Amino acid sequence: MVGDNCCNCNMAAMRQVLRNKHIEIVYATFHVDVGETPFFISVDFSKRVIVITIRGTLSMKVKLEKTLIMTHKFVNCLKTSGYSD
């Protein structure tokens, strides 16, 4: 587990949601940063599958960050292709 708070509230909430199911959390990260999205990996023993769950968001902060990252990548691509400002 990576990036949970000091009381492990995120993991406790996940365990509460998954209670009474035959699911084991193998790995979880709650760390949020530019280019880093929280996700967890679990095993569903009743269905015999491995599940990868990725948190999605449509917050304005994330939209702005993604726009800035894509703009930066595009400008760098142009520069490496011989185009300049």
C-alpha atoms as a PDB file:
ATOM      1  CA  MET A   1       0.000   0.000   0.000  1.00  0.00           C
ATOM      2  CA  VAL A   2       1.364   3.395  -1.023  1.00  0.00           C
ATOM      3  CA  GLY A   3       0.196   6.918  -0.246  1.00  0.00           C
ATOM      4  CA  ASP A   4      -2.585   6.311   2.273  1.00  0.00           C
ATOM      5  CA  ASN A   5      -2.997   8.745   5.165  1.00  0.00           C
ATOM      6  CA  CYS A   6      -1.661   8.116   8.676  1.00  0.00           C
ATOM      7  CA  CYS A   7      -4.852   6.288   9.748  1.00  0.00           C
ATOM      8  CA  ASN A   8      -5.056   4.147   6.587  1.00  0.00           C
ATOM      9  CA  CYS A   9      -8.588   5.451   5.959  1.00  0.00           C
ATOM     10  CA  ASN A  10      -8.513   4.736   2.206  1.00  0.00           C
ATOM     11  CA  MET A  11      -7.624   1.088   2.729  1.00  0.00           C
ATOM     12  CA  ALA A  12     -10.187   0.779   5.527  1.00  0.00           C
ATOM     13  CA  ALA A  13     -12.871   2.156   3.203  1.00  0.00           C
ATOM     14  CA  MET A  14     -11.916  -0.311   0.461  1.00  0.00           C
ATOM     15  CA  ARG A  15     -12.036  -3.215   2.898  1.00  0.00           C
ATOM     16  CA  GLN A  16     -15.471  -2.061   4.089  1.00  0.00           C
ATOM     17  CA  VAL A  17     -16.797  -1.958   0.520  1.00  0.00           C
ATOM     18  CA  LEU A  18     -15.317  -5.380  -0.259  1.00  0.00           C
ATOM     19  CA  ARG A  19     -16.452  -7.072   2.982  1.00  0.00           C
ATOM     20  CA  ASN A  20     -18.248 -10.407   2.646  1.00  0.00           C
ATOM     21  CA  LYS A  21     -16.806 -10.919  -0.815  1.00  0.00           C
ATOM     22  CA  HIS A  22     -14.062 -13.335  -1.740  1.00  0.00           C
ATOM     23  CA  ILE A  23     -11.711 -10.547  -2.847  1.00  0.00           C
ATOM     24  CA  GLU A  24      -8.172  -9.903  -1.670  1.00  0.00           C
ATOM     25  CA  ILE A  25      -6.367  -6.597  -2.279  1.00  0.00           C
ATOM     26  CA  VAL A  26      -2.880  -7.407  -3.536  1.00  0.00           C
ATOM     27  CA  TYR A  27      -1.548  -3.882  -4.120  1.00  0.00           C
ATOM     28  CA  ALA A  28      -2.969  -0.391  -3.675  1.00  0.00           C
ATOM     29  CA  THR A  29      -1.625   3.086  -4.237  1.00  0.00           C
ATOM     30  CA  PHE A  30      -3.521   6.195  -3.215  1.00  0.00           C
ATOM     31  CA  HIS A  31      -0.771   8.639  -4.214  1.00  0.00           C
ATOM     32  CA  VAL A  32      -2.016  11.387  -6.553  1.00  0.00           C
ATOM     33  CA  ASP A  33       0.354  13.573  -8.549  1.00  0.00           C
ATOM     34  CA  VAL A  34       0.813  14.761 -12.103  1.00  0.00           C
ATOM     35  CA  GLY A  35       0.951  11.631 -14.219  1.00  0.00           C
ATOM     36  CA  GLU A  36       0.297   9.351 -11.226  1.00  0.00           C
ATOM     37  CA  THR A  37      -3.186   7.924 -10.828  1.00  0.00           C
ATOM     38  CA  PRO A  38      -4.353   5.916  -7.811  1.00  0.00           C
ATOM     39  CA  PHE A  39      -5.116   2.268  -8.551  1.00  0.00           C
ATOM     40  CA  PHE A  40      -5.329  -1.106  -6.905  1.00  0.00           C
ATOM     41  CA  ILE A  41      -4.903  -4.728  -7.894  1.00  0.00           C
ATOM     42  CA  SER A  42      -7.116  -7.388  -6.376  1.00  0.00           C
ATOM     43  CA  VAL A  43      -7.942 -11.043  -6.788  1.00  0.00           C
ATOM     44  CA  ASP A  44     -11.583 -12.111  -7.012  1.00  0.00           C
ATOM     45  CA  PHE A  45     -11.507 -15.719  -5.886  1.00  0.00           C
ATOM     46  CA  SER A  46     -15.179 -16.424  -6.623  1.00  0.00           C
ATOM     47  CA  LYS A  47     -14.794 -15.402 -10.296  1.00  0.00           C
ATOM     48  CA  ARG A  48     -11.151 -16.527 -10.473  1.00  0.00           C
ATOM     49  CA  VAL A  49      -9.900 -13.261 -12.011  1.00  0.00           C
ATOM     50  CA  ILE A  50      -7.322 -10.581 -11.307  1.00  0.00           C
ATOM     51  CA  VAL A  51      -8.851  -7.095 -11.283  1.00  0.00           C
ATOM     52  CA  ILE A  52      -6.953  -3.851 -11.916  1.00  0.00           C
ATOM     53  CA  THR A  53      -8.972  -0.818 -10.842  1.00  0.00           C
ATOM     54  CA  ILE A  54      -7.854   2.669 -11.862  1.00  0.00           C
ATOM     55  CA  ARG A  55      -9.452   5.749 -10.387  1.00  0.00           C
ATOM     56  CA  GLY A  56     -10.807   8.167 -12.948  1.00  0.00           C
ATOM     57  CA  THR A  57     -11.588  11.805 -12.420  1.00  0.00           C
ATOM     58  CA  LEU A  58     -12.842  14.749 -14.396  1.00  0.00           C
ATOM     59  CA  SER A  59     -11.790  17.483 -12.000  1.00  0.00           C
ATOM     60  CA  MET A  60     -10.742  20.823 -13.428  1.00  0.00           C
ATOM     61  CA  LYS A  61      -7.336  20.490 -11.757  1.00  0.00           C
ATOM     62  CA  VAL A  62      -6.646  17.202 -13.539  1.00  0.00           C
ATOM     63  CA  LYS A  63      -7.922  18.550 -16.864  1.00  0.00           C
ATOM     64  CA  LEU A  64      -5.605  21.556 -16.559  1.00  0.00           C
ATOM     65  CA  GLU A  65      -2.629  19.374 -15.583  1.00  0.00           C
ATOM     66  CA  LYS A  66      -3.213  17.038 -18.532  1.00  0.00           C
ATOM     67  CA  THR A  67      -3.558  19.985 -20.902  1.00  0.00           C
ATOM     68  CA  LEU A  68      -0.273  21.466 -19.658  1.00  0.00           C
ATOM     69  CA  ILE A  69       1.501  18.104 -19.955  1.00  0.00           C
ATOM     70  CA  MET A  70       0.199  17.491 -23.484  1.00  0.00           C
ATOM     71  CA  THR A  71       1.140  21.051 -24.519  1.00  0.00           C
ATOM     72  CA  HIS A  72       4.646  20.564 -23.106  1.00  0.00           C
ATOM     73  CA  LYS A  73       5.047  17.229 -24.937  1.00  0.00           C
ATOM     74  CA  PHE A  74       3.775  18.767 -28.192  1.00  0.00           C
ATOM     75  CA  VAL A  75       6.163  21.751 -27.980  1.00  0.00           C
ATOM     76  CA  ASN A  76       9.097  19.427 -27.231  1.00  0.00           C
ATOM     77  CA  CYS A  77       8.099  17.230 -30.179  1.00  0.00           C
ATOM     78  CA  LEU A  78       8.071  20.261 -32.477  1.00  0.00           C
ATOM     79  CA  LYS A  79      11.479  21.399 -31.208  1.00  0.00           C
ATOM     80  CA  THR A  80      13.062  17.971 -31.733  1.00  0.00           C
ATOM     81  CA  SER A  81      11.556  17.902 -35.252  1.00  0.00           C
ATOM     82  CA  GLY A  82      13.349  21.107 -36.218  1.00  0.00           C
ATOM     83  CA  TYR A  83      10.608  23.634 -35.570  1.00  0.00           C
ATOM     84  CA  SER A  84      11.312  26.517 -33.209  1.00  0.00           C
ATOM     85  CA  ASP A  85       9.314  29.160 -31.350  1.00  0.00           C
END
